[in-house]
Amino acid sequence: MRIDVLTLFPEMFTGVFNASILGKARDKGIVELSTVNFRDFSGNKHNTVDDMPYGGGGGMVLQAEPVFGAVEHLLQQAGEDASKPRMILMCPQGTPLTQKKAIELSGESHLIFICGHYEGYDERIREFLVTDELSIGDYVLTGGELPAMVVIDTVVRLLPGVLGNEQSAITDSFSDGLLEYPHYTRPADFRGWRVPDVLLSGHHAEIEKWRRLQSLERTLVRRPELLENADLTPKEKQWLEDKRKLLDRE
């Protein structure tokens, strides 16, 4: 996979792209990570990339020209035979990032992220360039760099060969629509707090059953709205109903 980030602050990505899972994935050649400073495509002697909005109003608006110029430069580099990239605009108005969306994007061969830093974007960027608008939450940040880093991390860790244990990504919270079950490791008894006996039993079927119920209960308590779209068996639905009544009485 190739990932390019259009940003006015490429130095923000240096540590992130070279550390931890992303750094290892890059070293293995699984993903190519690069940044482009779209100020280099401003097309004016002052290298400005923003201007006042037509119609008045506060703040400055990111111009279309430098963004289109940077993208066209990347497409030219990739060549005519390259697959069409997904153009992702990081924006508070975008669709909320989900694990499902991350899985979808992990199947692409080329992603281009656009990070702004002003009041907004020239609407023609949205209308004629962008394929996806993504948000990481209902709040506003100084720019799109931090959100882009979040999305890139969620996507890259899903690529084959990135994680040491491929099962890790499969069992992550939200991968099946539910929150993940609790984990324990040695020692089995820490300050009197013991690991549940079933995890020490070696009985894999019982362990899987326990984990599933723990996942259901944790989702019920912390994110009950996720259960509305979860794939549940009739027995699990009844178990949840009984558990809900029990919690209501407590």
C-alpha atoms as a PDB file:
ATOM      1  CA  MET A   1       0.000   0.000   0.000  1.00  0.00           C
ATOM      2  CA  ARG A   2       1.075   3.554  -0.703  1.00  0.00           C
ATOM      3  CA  ILE A   3      -0.029   6.419   1.558  1.00  0.00           C
ATOM      4  CA  ASP A   4       0.651  10.068   0.786  1.00  0.00           C
ATOM      5  CA  VAL A   5      -0.244  12.945   3.108  1.00  0.00           C
ATOM      6  CA  LEU A   6      -0.735  16.488   1.845  1.00  0.00           C
ATOM      7  CA  THR A   7       0.205  18.795   4.708  1.00  0.00           C
ATOM      8  CA  LEU A   8       1.753  22.148   5.513  1.00  0.00           C
ATOM      9  CA  PHE A   9       3.661  20.501   8.375  1.00  0.00           C
ATOM     10  CA  PRO A  10       5.360  17.330   7.087  1.00  0.00           C
ATOM     11  CA  GLU A  11       7.718  17.342  10.065  1.00  0.00           C
ATOM     12  CA  MET A  12       4.799  16.336  12.290  1.00  0.00           C
ATOM     13  CA  PHE A  13       4.795  12.897  10.656  1.00  0.00           C
ATOM     14  CA  THR A  14       8.503  12.088  10.960  1.00  0.00           C
ATOM     15  CA  GLY A  15       8.349  10.413  14.349  1.00  0.00           C
ATOM     16  CA  VAL A  16       4.987   8.754  13.763  1.00  0.00           C
ATOM     17  CA  PHE A  17       5.961   7.189  10.443  1.00  0.00           C
ATOM     18  CA  ASN A  18       9.265   5.865  11.790  1.00  0.00           C
ATOM     19  CA  ALA A  19       8.165   4.450  15.134  1.00  0.00           C
ATOM     20  CA  SER A  20       6.280   1.434  16.461  1.00  0.00           C
ATOM     21  CA  ILE A  21       3.980  -0.518  14.150  1.00  0.00           C
ATOM     22  CA  LEU A  22       4.037   2.043  11.340  1.00  0.00           C
ATOM     23  CA  GLY A  23       7.826   2.150  11.342  1.00  0.00           C
ATOM     24  CA  LYS A  24       8.075  -1.646  11.247  1.00  0.00           C
ATOM     25  CA  ALA A  25       5.524  -1.883   8.444  1.00  0.00           C
ATOM     26  CA  ARG A  26       7.525   0.671   6.497  1.00  0.00           C
ATOM     27  CA  ASP A  27      10.793  -1.195   7.095  1.00  0.00           C
ATOM     28  CA  LYS A  28       9.205  -4.448   5.904  1.00  0.00           C
ATOM     29  CA  GLY A  29       8.080  -2.784   2.700  1.00  0.00           C
ATOM     30  CA  ILE A  30       4.422  -3.449   3.455  1.00  0.00           C
ATOM     31  CA  VAL A  31       3.497   0.224   3.231  1.00  0.00           C
ATOM     32  CA  GLU A  32       5.099   3.259   1.636  1.00  0.00           C
ATOM     33  CA  LEU A  33       4.518   6.399   3.720  1.00  0.00           C
ATOM     34  CA  SER A  34       5.326   9.869   2.446  1.00  0.00           C
ATOM     35  CA  THR A  35       4.349  13.508   2.933  1.00  0.00           C
ATOM     36  CA  VAL A  36       3.955  16.337   0.445  1.00  0.00           C
ATOM     37  CA  ASN A  37       4.008  19.980   1.440  1.00  0.00           C
ATOM     38  CA  PHE A  38       1.313  21.435  -0.773  1.00  0.00           C
ATOM     39  CA  ARG A  39       2.729  24.930  -0.196  1.00  0.00           C
ATOM     40  CA  ASP A  40       5.232  23.926  -2.884  1.00  0.00           C
ATOM     41  CA  PHE A  41       2.335  24.003  -5.350  1.00  0.00           C
ATOM     42  CA  SER A  42       0.949  27.394  -4.376  1.00  0.00           C
ATOM     43  CA  GLY A  43       1.701  28.919  -7.776  1.00  0.00           C
ATOM     44  CA  ASN A  44       2.499  32.379  -6.382  1.00  0.00           C
ATOM     45  CA  LYS A  45       5.719  34.122  -5.325  1.00  0.00           C
ATOM     46  CA  HIS A  46       4.648  34.410  -1.674  1.00  0.00           C
ATOM     47  CA  ASN A  47       3.796  30.693  -1.419  1.00  0.00           C
ATOM     48  CA  THR A  48       0.415  31.467   0.140  1.00  0.00           C
ATOM     49  CA  VAL A  49      -2.153  28.674   0.166  1.00  0.00           C
ATOM     50  CA  ASP A  50      -5.104  30.457   1.797  1.00  0.00           C
ATOM     51  CA  ASP A  51      -7.253  33.487   1.081  1.00  0.00           C
ATOM     52  CA  MET A  52     -10.278  35.375   2.394  1.00  0.00           C
ATOM     53  CA  PRO A  53     -13.643  33.760   1.639  1.00  0.00           C
ATOM     54  CA  TYR A  54     -15.924  35.222  -0.999  1.00  0.00           C
ATOM     55  CA  GLY A  55     -18.968  36.782   0.647  1.00  0.00           C
ATOM     56  CA  GLY A  56     -17.038  37.757   3.761  1.00  0.00           C
ATOM     57  CA  GLY A  57     -16.777  36.061   7.112  1.00  0.00           C
ATOM     58  CA  GLY A  58     -14.085  35.238   9.629  1.00  0.00           C
ATOM     59  CA  GLY A  59     -11.028  33.121   9.004  1.00  0.00           C
ATOM     60  CA  MET A  60      -9.129  32.100   5.916  1.00  0.00           C
ATOM     61  CA  VAL A  61      -9.986  29.386   3.383  1.00  0.00           C
ATOM     62  CA  LEU A  62      -7.596  26.848   1.881  1.00  0.00           C
ATOM     63  CA  GLN A  63      -7.272  27.458  -1.851  1.00  0.00           C
ATOM     64  CA  ALA A  64      -7.994  24.779  -4.433  1.00  0.00           C
ATOM     65  CA  GLU A  65      -4.925  25.344  -6.618  1.00  0.00           C
ATOM     66  CA  PRO A  66      -2.159  24.052  -4.297  1.00  0.00           C
ATOM     67  CA  VAL A  67      -4.149  20.970  -3.302  1.00  0.00           C
ATOM     68  CA  PHE A  68      -5.044  20.049  -6.888  1.00  0.00           C
ATOM     69  CA  GLY A  69      -1.461  20.722  -7.944  1.00  0.00           C
ATOM     70  CA  ALA A  70      -0.044  18.421  -5.264  1.00  0.00           C
ATOM     71  CA  VAL A  71      -2.475  15.628  -6.084  1.00  0.00           C
ATOM     72  CA  GLU A  72      -1.795  15.883  -9.812  1.00  0.00           C
ATOM     73  CA  HIS A  73       1.940  15.710  -9.070  1.00  0.00           C
ATOM     74  CA  LEU A  74       1.420  12.483  -7.093  1.00  0.00           C
ATOM     75  CA  LEU A  75      -0.724  10.957  -9.830  1.00  0.00           C
ATOM     76  CA  GLN A  76       1.926  11.777 -12.403  1.00  0.00           C
ATOM     77  CA  GLN A  77       4.546  10.095 -10.223  1.00  0.00           C
ATOM     78  CA  ALA A  78       2.392   6.989  -9.865  1.00  0.00           C
ATOM     79  CA  GLY A  79       1.960   6.637 -13.613  1.00  0.00           C
ATOM     80  CA  GLU A  80      -0.998   5.901 -15.856  1.00  0.00           C
ATOM     81  CA  ASP A  81      -1.096   2.218 -14.948  1.00  0.00           C
ATOM     82  CA  ALA A  82      -1.499   2.896 -11.219  1.00  0.00           C
ATOM     83  CA  SER A  83      -4.871   2.313  -9.603  1.00  0.00           C
ATOM     84  CA  LYS A  84      -6.971   5.351  -8.798  1.00  0.00           C
ATOM     85  CA  PRO A  85      -6.280   6.465  -5.203  1.00  0.00           C
ATOM     86  CA  ARG A  86      -8.846   7.230  -2.536  1.00  0.00           C
ATOM     87  CA  MET A  87      -8.675  10.947  -1.738  1.00  0.00           C
ATOM     88  CA  ILE A  88      -9.442  11.394   1.944  1.00  0.00           C
ATOM     89  CA  LEU A  89     -10.234  14.812   3.369  1.00  0.00           C
ATOM     90  CA  MET A  90      -9.833  15.065   7.148  1.00  0.00           C
ATOM     91  CA  CYS A  91     -12.714  17.271   8.268  1.00  0.00           C
ATOM     92  CA  PRO A  92     -15.028  17.637  11.318  1.00  0.00           C
ATOM     93  CA  GLN A  93     -17.971  17.461   8.892  1.00  0.00           C
ATOM     94  CA  GLY A  94     -16.850  14.064   7.598  1.00  0.00           C
ATOM     95  CA  THR A  95     -18.218  10.601   8.249  1.00  0.00           C
ATOM     96  CA  PRO A  96     -17.089   9.300  11.671  1.00  0.00           C
ATOM     97  CA  LEU A  97     -14.200   6.871  11.477  1.00  0.00           C
ATOM     98  CA  THR A  98     -15.171   3.291  12.323  1.00  0.00           C
ATOM     99  CA  GLN A  99     -13.374  -0.022  12.323  1.00  0.00           C
ATOM    100  CA  LYS A 100     -15.532  -1.024   9.354  1.00  0.00           C
ATOM    101  CA  LYS A 101     -14.251   1.995   7.417  1.00  0.00           C
ATOM    102  CA  ALA A 102     -10.662   1.165   8.365  1.00  0.00           C
ATOM    103  CA  ILE A 103     -11.109  -2.383   7.061  1.00  0.00           C
ATOM    104  CA  GLU A 104     -12.549  -1.004   3.820  1.00  0.00           C
ATOM    105  CA  LEU A 105      -9.614   1.376   3.321  1.00  0.00           C
ATOM    106  CA  SER A 106      -7.077  -1.353   4.107  1.00  0.00           C
ATOM    107  CA  GLY A 107      -8.132  -3.047   0.882  1.00  0.00           C
ATOM    108  CA  GLU A 108      -6.977  -0.092  -1.223  1.00  0.00           C
ATOM    109  CA  SER A 109      -3.558   0.164  -2.862  1.00  0.00           C
ATOM    110  CA  HIS A 110      -3.165   3.962  -2.643  1.00  0.00           C
ATOM    111  CA  LEU A 111      -4.547   6.492  -0.163  1.00  0.00           C
ATOM    112  CA  ILE A 112      -4.023  10.249  -0.274  1.00  0.00           C
ATOM    113  CA  PHE A 113      -4.860  12.272   2.846  1.00  0.00           C
ATOM    114  CA  ILE A 114      -5.524  16.021   2.677  1.00  0.00           C
ATOM    115  CA  CYS A 115      -4.884  18.018   5.848  1.00  0.00           C
ATOM    116  CA  GLY A 116      -6.056  21.611   6.131  1.00  0.00           C
ATOM    117  CA  HIS A 117      -5.229  24.293   8.690  1.00  0.00           C
ATOM    118  CA  TYR A 118      -7.670  27.136   8.206  1.00  0.00           C
ATOM    119  CA  GLU A 119     -11.344  28.016   8.550  1.00  0.00           C
ATOM    120  CA  GLY A 120     -12.253  25.622   5.777  1.00  0.00           C
ATOM    121  CA  TYR A 121     -11.558  24.266   2.315  1.00  0.00           C
ATOM    122  CA  ASP A 122     -12.502  25.730  -1.034  1.00  0.00           C
ATOM    123  CA  GLU A 123     -15.637  23.722  -1.816  1.00  0.00           C
ATOM    124  CA  ARG A 124     -14.238  22.681  -5.203  1.00  0.00           C
ATOM    125  CA  ILE A 125     -11.738  20.456  -3.382  1.00  0.00           C
ATOM    126  CA  ARG A 126     -14.657  18.536  -1.908  1.00  0.00           C
ATOM    127  CA  GLU A 127     -16.717  18.559  -5.062  1.00  0.00           C
ATOM    128  CA  PHE A 128     -14.170  17.597  -7.704  1.00  0.00           C
ATOM    129  CA  LEU A 129     -11.256  15.902  -5.914  1.00  0.00           C
ATOM    130  CA  VAL A 130     -12.190  14.167  -2.683  1.00  0.00           C
ATOM    131  CA  THR A 131     -13.671  10.652  -2.541  1.00  0.00           C
ATOM    132  CA  ASP A 132     -14.041  10.415   1.247  1.00  0.00           C
ATOM    133  CA  GLU A 133     -14.476  12.898   4.099  1.00  0.00           C
ATOM    134  CA  LEU A 134     -13.531  11.482   7.496  1.00  0.00           C
ATOM    135  CA  SER A 135     -13.780  12.763  11.063  1.00  0.00           C
ATOM    136  CA  ILE A 136     -12.374  11.249  14.244  1.00  0.00           C
ATOM    137  CA  GLY A 137     -14.909  12.964  16.497  1.00  0.00           C
ATOM    138  CA  ASP A 138     -17.294  15.824  17.048  1.00  0.00           C
ATOM    139  CA  TYR A 139     -14.681  18.410  17.936  1.00  0.00           C
ATOM    140  CA  VAL A 140     -12.353  20.761  16.076  1.00  0.00           C
ATOM    141  CA  LEU A 141      -8.559  20.510  15.984  1.00  0.00           C
ATOM    142  CA  THR A 142      -5.979  22.989  14.704  1.00  0.00           C
ATOM    143  CA  GLY A 143      -5.438  20.948  11.559  1.00  0.00           C
ATOM    144  CA  GLY A 144      -5.997  17.621   9.879  1.00  0.00           C
ATOM    145  CA  GLU A 145      -2.594  16.136  10.704  1.00  0.00           C
ATOM    146  CA  LEU A 146      -3.463  14.403  13.972  1.00  0.00           C
ATOM    147  CA  PRO A 147      -6.698  12.917  12.584  1.00  0.00           C
ATOM    148  CA  ALA A 148      -4.802  11.677   9.514  1.00  0.00           C
ATOM    149  CA  MET A 149      -2.277   9.942  11.776  1.00  0.00           C
ATOM    150  CA  VAL A 150      -5.132   8.204  13.599  1.00  0.00           C
ATOM    151  CA  VAL A 151      -6.727   6.944  10.393  1.00  0.00           C
ATOM    152  CA  ILE A 152      -3.393   5.807   8.946  1.00  0.00           C
ATOM    153  CA  ASP A 153      -2.617   3.840  12.109  1.00  0.00           C
ATOM    154  CA  THR A 154      -6.005   2.102  12.100  1.00  0.00           C
ATOM    155  CA  VAL A 155      -5.595   1.152   8.441  1.00  0.00           C
ATOM    156  CA  VAL A 156      -1.948   0.065   8.337  1.00  0.00           C
ATOM    157  CA  ARG A 157      -2.229  -2.274  11.339  1.00  0.00           C
ATOM    158  CA  LEU A 158      -4.831  -4.240   9.366  1.00  0.00           C
ATOM    159  CA  LEU A 159      -2.503  -4.976   6.457  1.00  0.00           C
ATOM    160  CA  PRO A 160      -1.241  -8.585   6.244  1.00  0.00           C
ATOM    161  CA  GLY A 161       2.135  -9.026   7.891  1.00  0.00           C
ATOM    162  CA  VAL A 162       2.043  -5.818   9.938  1.00  0.00           C
ATOM    163  CA  LEU A 163       1.047  -7.288  13.295  1.00  0.00           C
ATOM    164  CA  GLY A 164       3.034 -10.147  14.769  1.00  0.00           C
ATOM    165  CA  ASN A 165      -0.193 -12.030  15.472  1.00  0.00           C
ATOM    166  CA  GLU A 166      -2.779 -11.717  12.686  1.00  0.00           C
ATOM    167  CA  GLN A 167      -5.464 -12.792  15.144  1.00  0.00           C
ATOM    168  CA  SER A 168      -4.956  -9.554  17.082  1.00  0.00           C
ATOM    169  CA  ALA A 169      -6.667  -7.413  14.463  1.00  0.00           C
ATOM    170  CA  ILE A 170      -9.516  -9.887  14.091  1.00  0.00           C
ATOM    171  CA  THR A 171     -10.363  -9.829  17.798  1.00  0.00           C
ATOM    172  CA  ASP A 172      -9.989  -6.060  18.281  1.00  0.00           C
ATOM    173  CA  SER A 173     -12.889  -4.085  19.692  1.00  0.00           C
ATOM    174  CA  PHE A 174     -15.447  -3.181  17.006  1.00  0.00           C
ATOM    175  CA  SER A 175     -14.138  -5.786  14.520  1.00  0.00           C
ATOM    176  CA  ASP A 176     -17.285  -7.855  15.074  1.00  0.00           C
ATOM    177  CA  GLY A 177     -19.420  -4.913  16.181  1.00  0.00           C
ATOM    178  CA  LEU A 178     -18.759  -5.525  19.886  1.00  0.00           C
ATOM    179  CA  LEU A 179     -16.220  -4.368  22.446  1.00  0.00           C
ATOM    180  CA  GLU A 180     -13.356  -6.742  23.083  1.00  0.00           C
ATOM    181  CA  TYR A 181     -13.318  -9.129  26.044  1.00  0.00           C
ATOM    182  CA  PRO A 182     -10.891  -8.546  28.983  1.00  0.00           C
ATOM    183  CA  HIS A 183      -7.318  -9.892  28.836  1.00  0.00           C
ATOM    184  CA  TYR A 184      -5.048 -11.292  31.558  1.00  0.00           C
ATOM    185  CA  THR A 185      -1.445 -12.460  31.727  1.00  0.00           C
ATOM    186  CA  ARG A 186       0.987 -13.764  34.380  1.00  0.00           C
ATOM    187  CA  PRO A 187       1.015 -13.911  37.317  1.00  0.00           C
ATOM    188  CA  ALA A 188      -2.260 -15.751  37.827  1.00  0.00           C
ATOM    189  CA  ASP A 189      -2.568 -14.184  41.266  1.00  0.00           C
ATOM    190  CA  PHE A 190      -1.551 -10.540  41.630  1.00  0.00           C
ATOM    191  CA  ARG A 191      -2.106  -9.010  45.072  1.00  0.00           C
ATOM    192  CA  GLY A 192      -4.984 -11.378  45.643  1.00  0.00           C
ATOM    193  CA  TRP A 193      -6.671 -10.534  42.350  1.00  0.00           C
ATOM    194  CA  ARG A 194      -6.928 -13.811  40.472  1.00  0.00           C
ATOM    195  CA  VAL A 195      -7.283 -14.541  36.784  1.00  0.00           C
ATOM    196  CA  PRO A 196     -10.687 -16.161  36.069  1.00  0.00           C
ATOM    197  CA  ASP A 197     -10.384 -19.920  36.461  1.00  0.00           C
ATOM    198  CA  VAL A 198     -11.796 -20.649  33.019  1.00  0.00           C
ATOM    199  CA  LEU A 199      -8.775 -19.002  31.370  1.00  0.00           C
ATOM    200  CA  LEU A 200      -6.466 -21.368  33.246  1.00  0.00           C
ATOM    201  CA  SER A 201      -8.524 -24.471  32.455  1.00  0.00           C
ATOM    202  CA  GLY A 202      -7.127 -25.199  29.007  1.00  0.00           C
ATOM    203  CA  HIS A 203     -10.689 -25.872  27.837  1.00  0.00           C
ATOM    204  CA  HIS A 204     -10.753 -23.868  24.605  1.00  0.00           C
ATOM    205  CA  ALA A 205     -14.479 -24.146  23.957  1.00  0.00           C
ATOM    206  CA  GLU A 206     -15.296 -22.857  27.450  1.00  0.00           C
ATOM    207  CA  ILE A 207     -12.738 -20.076  27.080  1.00  0.00           C
ATOM    208  CA  GLU A 208     -14.318 -18.942  23.804  1.00  0.00           C
ATOM    209  CA  LYS A 209     -17.765 -19.046  25.380  1.00  0.00           C
ATOM    210  CA  TRP A 210     -16.548 -16.976  28.343  1.00  0.00           C
ATOM    211  CA  ARG A 211     -14.890 -14.435  26.082  1.00  0.00           C
ATOM    212  CA  ARG A 212     -18.016 -14.055  23.975  1.00  0.00           C
ATOM    213  CA  LEU A 213     -20.207 -13.448  27.023  1.00  0.00           C
ATOM    214  CA  GLN A 214     -17.695 -11.008  28.466  1.00  0.00           C
ATOM    215  CA  SER A 215     -17.667  -9.133  25.173  1.00  0.00           C
ATOM    216  CA  LEU A 216     -21.459  -8.988  25.154  1.00  0.00           C
ATOM    217  CA  GLU A 217     -21.636  -7.799  28.746  1.00  0.00           C
ATOM    218  CA  ARG A 218     -18.935  -5.164  28.290  1.00  0.00           C
ATOM    219  CA  THR A 219     -20.731  -3.830  25.217  1.00  0.00           C
ATOM    220  CA  LEU A 220     -24.055  -3.803  27.072  1.00  0.00           C
ATOM    221  CA  VAL A 221     -22.592  -1.767  29.932  1.00  0.00           C
ATOM    222  CA  ARG A 222     -20.326   0.615  28.009  1.00  0.00           C
ATOM    223  CA  ARG A 223     -21.718   0.932  24.475  1.00  0.00           C
ATOM    224  CA  PRO A 224     -25.236  -0.554  24.396  1.00  0.00           C
ATOM    225  CA  GLU A 225     -26.062   1.163  21.095  1.00  0.00           C
ATOM    226  CA  LEU A 226     -23.604  -1.164  19.330  1.00  0.00           C
ATOM    227  CA  LEU A 227     -25.833  -4.143  20.110  1.00  0.00           C
ATOM    228  CA  GLU A 228     -28.521  -2.839  17.775  1.00  0.00           C
ATOM    229  CA  ASN A 229     -26.486  -3.867  14.723  1.00  0.00           C
ATOM    230  CA  ALA A 230     -24.568  -6.803  16.212  1.00  0.00           C
ATOM    231  CA  ASP A 231     -24.991 -10.298  14.773  1.00  0.00           C
ATOM    232  CA  LEU A 232     -26.462 -12.169  17.750  1.00  0.00           C
ATOM    233  CA  THR A 233     -27.965 -15.614  18.170  1.00  0.00           C
ATOM    234  CA  PRO A 234     -31.406 -15.982  19.816  1.00  0.00           C
ATOM    235  CA  LYS A 235     -29.680 -17.454  22.872  1.00  0.00           C
ATOM    236  CA  GLU A 236     -27.342 -14.444  23.108  1.00  0.00           C
ATOM    237  CA  LYS A 237     -30.255 -12.039  22.785  1.00  0.00           C
ATOM    238  CA  GLN A 238     -32.019 -13.772  25.645  1.00  0.00           C
ATOM    239  CA  TRP A 239     -28.831 -13.766  27.730  1.00  0.00           C
ATOM    240  CA  LEU A 240     -28.478 -10.040  27.166  1.00  0.00           C
ATOM    241  CA  GLU A 241     -32.093  -9.402  28.100  1.00  0.00           C
ATOM    242  CA  ASP A 242     -31.642 -11.326  31.362  1.00  0.00           C
ATOM    243  CA  LYS A 243     -28.367  -9.493  32.046  1.00  0.00           C
ATOM    244  CA  ARG A 244     -30.012  -6.115  31.328  1.00  0.00           C
ATOM    245  CA  LYS A 245     -32.806  -6.834  33.813  1.00  0.00           C
ATOM    246  CA  LEU A 246     -30.253  -7.910  36.412  1.00  0.00           C
ATOM    247  CA  LEU A 247     -28.239  -4.713  35.946  1.00  0.00           C
ATOM    248  CA  ASP A 248     -31.397  -2.596  36.212  1.00  0.00           C
ATOM    249  CA  ARG A 249     -32.139  -4.125  39.620  1.00  0.00           C
ATOM    250  CA  GLU A 250     -28.662  -3.390  40.954  1.00  0.00           C
END
